[in-house]
Every structure is written in C-alpha cells, then in structure tokens.
Amino acid sequence: AVALVDGVRQVQLACWTRRALEAVEQALAVGRRSIQTVLDDLDVCVVADVPAGQLIDLDTPADVDRYASGP
C-alpha cells in the first residue's frame, strides 16, 4: 500500500512486503534507480486523497526539533 498525496505516490509512506524485494532487485540489476518505477511493476494498493496537511516532512533532527517546538 502506498499513500497518494497531490497525485504523487509517497514511497516513504508505504507498506512494503518481502515479495517486493525481488522487484527492487530486478530494477537495480538493470540500472533502474527510481523506486517509483518499481511500483509500476507491483500490484499496489493506493491509499488515495491523503490530505497533504496530515503529513510532515522531517528529514533531519533539526526538522524534528522545529516541529516539536510548535509554530
């Protein structure tokens, strides 16, 4: 399952099964590096219309600190 936000599949917000590993390995073997293209090879359940405001992009410890301290 993968969340869809503003028409974009959010690969970081997904549930990956062990069976997906084969598709990832095959993609890497032929030089495909985009995880988005791997999703094209899988039977994916899309969780549509997730409001962007419900997700927060936290990439670094500083991002977490800023979020935790509030607006």
C-alpha atoms as a PDB file:
ATOM      1  CA  ALA A   1       0.000   0.000   0.000  1.00  0.00           C
ATOM      2  CA  VAL A   2       1.215   3.482  -0.804  1.00  0.00           C
ATOM      3  CA  ALA A   3      -0.276   6.872   0.037  1.00  0.00           C
ATOM      4  CA  LEU A   4      -1.193   9.250  -2.784  1.00  0.00           C
ATOM      5  CA  VAL A   5      -0.756  12.953  -1.967  1.00  0.00           C
ATOM      6  CA  ASP A   6      -1.478  15.605  -4.585  1.00  0.00           C
ATOM      7  CA  GLY A   7      -1.278  12.921  -7.272  1.00  0.00           C
ATOM      8  CA  VAL A   8       2.171  11.695  -6.208  1.00  0.00           C
ATOM      9  CA  ARG A   9       2.807   8.259  -4.700  1.00  0.00           C
ATOM     10  CA  GLN A  10       4.622   8.727  -1.401  1.00  0.00           C
ATOM     11  CA  VAL A  11       7.053   5.813  -1.386  1.00  0.00           C
ATOM     12  CA  GLN A  12       8.304   6.696   2.086  1.00  0.00           C
ATOM     13  CA  LEU A  13       4.767   6.323   3.372  1.00  0.00           C
ATOM     14  CA  ALA A  14       4.167   2.800   2.170  1.00  0.00           C
ATOM     15  CA  CYS A  15       3.863  -0.734   3.409  1.00  0.00           C
ATOM     16  CA  TRP A  16       6.359  -2.958   1.606  1.00  0.00           C
ATOM     17  CA  THR A  17       6.164  -6.750   1.648  1.00  0.00           C
ATOM     18  CA  ARG A  18       9.116  -9.091   1.314  1.00  0.00           C
ATOM     19  CA  ARG A  19       7.809 -10.081  -2.107  1.00  0.00           C
ATOM     20  CA  ALA A  20       8.535  -6.539  -3.312  1.00  0.00           C
ATOM     21  CA  LEU A  21      12.248  -7.145  -2.735  1.00  0.00           C
ATOM     22  CA  GLU A  22      12.510  -9.213  -5.929  1.00  0.00           C
ATOM     23  CA  ALA A  23      11.111  -6.329  -7.993  1.00  0.00           C
ATOM     24  CA  VAL A  24      13.542  -3.915  -6.324  1.00  0.00           C
ATOM     25  CA  GLU A  25      16.488  -6.228  -7.002  1.00  0.00           C
ATOM     26  CA  GLN A  26      15.461  -6.689 -10.648  1.00  0.00           C
ATOM     27  CA  ALA A  27      15.149  -2.937 -11.152  1.00  0.00           C
ATOM     28  CA  LEU A  28      18.581  -2.327  -9.659  1.00  0.00           C
ATOM     29  CA  ALA A  29      20.094  -5.090 -11.797  1.00  0.00           C
ATOM     30  CA  VAL A  30      19.045  -3.280 -14.982  1.00  0.00           C
ATOM     31  CA  GLY A  31      20.071   0.157 -13.734  1.00  0.00           C
ATOM     32  CA  ARG A  32      16.681   1.489 -12.678  1.00  0.00           C
ATOM     33  CA  ARG A  33      17.178   3.538  -9.527  1.00  0.00           C
ATOM     34  CA  SER A  34      13.763   5.143  -9.068  1.00  0.00           C
ATOM     35  CA  ILE A  35      11.572   3.401  -6.533  1.00  0.00           C
ATOM     36  CA  GLN A  36       8.607   4.984  -8.335  1.00  0.00           C
ATOM     37  CA  THR A  37       9.341   2.748 -11.342  1.00  0.00           C
ATOM     38  CA  VAL A  38       9.410  -0.313  -9.100  1.00  0.00           C
ATOM     39  CA  LEU A  39       5.861   0.499  -8.016  1.00  0.00           C
ATOM     40  CA  ASP A  40       4.876   0.219 -11.679  1.00  0.00           C
ATOM     41  CA  ASP A  41       5.980  -3.440 -11.581  1.00  0.00           C
ATOM     42  CA  LEU A  42       3.952  -4.312  -8.488  1.00  0.00           C
ATOM     43  CA  ASP A  43       0.288  -4.801  -7.675  1.00  0.00           C
ATOM     44  CA  VAL A  44      -0.075  -1.748  -5.437  1.00  0.00           C
ATOM     45  CA  CYS A  45      -2.986  -0.716  -3.264  1.00  0.00           C
ATOM     46  CA  VAL A  46      -3.102   3.084  -3.413  1.00  0.00           C
ATOM     47  CA  VAL A  47      -4.471   4.975  -0.424  1.00  0.00           C
ATOM     48  CA  ALA A  48      -5.889   7.914  -2.347  1.00  0.00           C
ATOM     49  CA  ASP A  49      -6.519  11.502  -1.390  1.00  0.00           C
ATOM     50  CA  VAL A  50      -4.406  11.684   1.742  1.00  0.00           C
ATOM     51  CA  PRO A  51      -4.543  15.373   2.742  1.00  0.00           C
ATOM     52  CA  ALA A  52      -1.076  16.902   2.434  1.00  0.00           C
ATOM     53  CA  GLY A  53      -1.590  18.708   5.736  1.00  0.00           C
ATOM     54  CA  GLN A  54      -1.661  15.381   7.563  1.00  0.00           C
ATOM     55  CA  LEU A  55       1.912  14.611   6.530  1.00  0.00           C
ATOM     56  CA  ILE A  56       5.026  16.358   7.730  1.00  0.00           C
ATOM     57  CA  ASP A  57       8.408  16.159   6.008  1.00  0.00           C
ATOM     58  CA  LEU A  58      11.042  15.569   8.681  1.00  0.00           C
ATOM     59  CA  ASP A  59      14.443  14.882   7.140  1.00  0.00           C
ATOM     60  CA  THR A  60      16.857  15.886   9.877  1.00  0.00           C
ATOM     61  CA  PRO A  61      16.967  16.052  13.672  1.00  0.00           C
ATOM     62  CA  ALA A  62      16.669  19.835  13.311  1.00  0.00           C
ATOM     63  CA  ASP A  63      13.390  19.363  11.397  1.00  0.00           C
ATOM     64  CA  VAL A  64      12.079  17.220  14.249  1.00  0.00           C
ATOM     65  CA  ASP A  65      13.105  19.839  16.814  1.00  0.00           C
ATOM     66  CA  ARG A  66      11.367  22.627  14.845  1.00  0.00           C
ATOM     67  CA  TYR A  67       8.198  20.544  14.521  1.00  0.00           C
ATOM     68  CA  ALA A  68       8.229  19.574  18.198  1.00  0.00           C
ATOM     69  CA  SER A  69       8.604  23.194  19.316  1.00  0.00           C
ATOM     70  CA  GLY A  70       5.410  24.176  17.503  1.00  0.00           C
ATOM     71  CA  PRO A  71       4.569  27.145  15.288  1.00  0.00           C
END
